[in-house]
Amino acid sequence: MEKPKCALIGKDGNIFNLVGLASRTLKQNGMQKEAKEMCDKVYSSHSYYEALNIIADYVDITDDRGLEEEEDEEMEWEEE
């Protein structure tokens, strides 16, 4: 499974915010089943760091700049 990029670095570190952002990213990439699975695992985790590791299993954690670079690459690909 290829993980979609998700800009979590620099965001509000509240775990509910982070899982929401990651879940939305998965759903936007047609991965509804994985989004639910990830949420279920995060909500049953026993620590903040365990929850972060679960999120990282499903999305490629990046910052806003990482997403911009990916968009630039996609635009270059479309122009060719």
Protein backbone atom coordinates (compact mmCIF):
# COMPACT_ATOMS: atom_id res chain seq x y z
CA MET A 1 0.00 0.00 0.00
CA GLU A 2 1.40 3.38 -0.97
CA LYS A 3 0.92 5.91 1.80
CA PRO A 4 -0.44 9.35 0.87
CA LYS A 5 1.48 12.39 2.13
CA CYS A 6 -0.11 14.23 5.04
CA ALA A 7 1.13 17.55 6.41
CA LEU A 8 1.17 17.00 10.17
CA ILE A 9 4.50 18.63 11.02
CA GLY A 10 3.89 22.08 12.46
CA LYS A 11 0.18 21.44 13.07
CA ASP A 12 -1.64 21.46 16.41
CA GLY A 13 -0.22 18.35 18.09
CA ASN A 14 -3.48 17.34 19.75
CA ILE A 15 -3.88 13.68 18.83
CA PHE A 16 -7.53 14.15 17.87
CA ASN A 17 -6.52 16.90 15.45
CA LEU A 18 -3.73 14.79 13.95
CA VAL A 19 -5.90 11.69 13.52
CA GLY A 20 -8.57 13.87 11.91
CA LEU A 21 -6.11 15.32 9.40
CA ALA A 22 -4.70 11.88 8.61
CA SER A 23 -8.18 10.37 8.27
CA ARG A 24 -9.25 13.14 5.88
CA THR A 25 -6.12 12.58 3.79
CA LEU A 26 -6.83 8.85 3.54
CA LYS A 27 -10.46 9.46 2.57
CA GLN A 28 -9.43 12.01 -0.09
CA ASN A 29 -7.25 9.28 -1.57
CA GLY A 30 -10.06 6.71 -1.70
CA MET A 31 -8.88 4.86 1.39
CA GLN A 32 -12.02 4.97 3.55
CA LYS A 33 -11.48 1.49 4.97
CA GLU A 34 -7.92 2.36 6.01
CA ALA A 35 -9.12 5.64 7.56
CA LYS A 36 -11.58 3.80 9.81
CA GLU A 37 -9.05 1.12 10.65
CA MET A 38 -6.44 3.74 11.58
CA CYS A 39 -8.90 5.68 13.76
CA ASP A 40 -9.97 2.52 15.59
CA LYS A 41 -6.34 1.62 16.30
CA VAL A 42 -5.43 5.15 17.43
CA TYR A 43 -8.42 5.39 19.76
CA SER A 44 -7.49 2.09 21.40
CA SER A 45 -3.78 2.96 21.73
CA HIS A 46 -2.23 3.45 25.14
CA SER A 47 0.02 6.45 24.56
CA TYR A 48 0.49 9.51 22.43
CA TYR A 49 3.61 8.05 20.82
CA GLU A 50 1.90 4.77 20.04
CA ALA A 51 -0.89 6.75 18.38
CA LEU A 52 1.64 8.74 16.30
CA ASN A 53 3.30 5.53 15.15
CA ILE A 54 -0.07 4.13 14.08
CA ILE A 55 -0.79 7.29 12.07
CA ALA A 56 2.66 6.98 10.47
CA ASP A 57 1.79 3.43 9.39
CA TYR A 58 -1.00 4.85 7.23
CA VAL A 59 0.28 8.22 5.97
CA ASP A 60 3.64 9.68 5.01
CA ILE A 61 4.00 12.45 7.58
CA THR A 62 5.38 15.65 6.07
CA ASP A 63 5.07 19.41 6.41
CA ASP A 64 3.27 21.84 4.11
CA ARG A 65 6.44 22.24 2.05
CA GLY A 66 6.52 18.50 1.34
CA LEU A 67 2.99 18.70 -0.05
CA GLU A 68 3.86 21.71 -2.20
CA GLU A 69 6.82 19.83 -3.70
CA GLU A 70 4.57 16.89 -4.55
CA GLU A 71 2.04 19.22 -6.22
CA ASP A 72 4.83 20.85 -8.26
CA GLU A 73 6.01 17.42 -9.44
CA GLU A 74 2.45 16.47 -10.46
CA MET A 75 2.05 19.71 -12.43
CA GLU A 76 5.33 19.11 -14.27
CA TRP A 77 4.18 15.58 -15.12
CA GLU A 78 0.86 16.86 -16.51
CA GLU A 79 2.58 19.50 -18.67
CA GLU A 80 4.76 16.94 -20.48
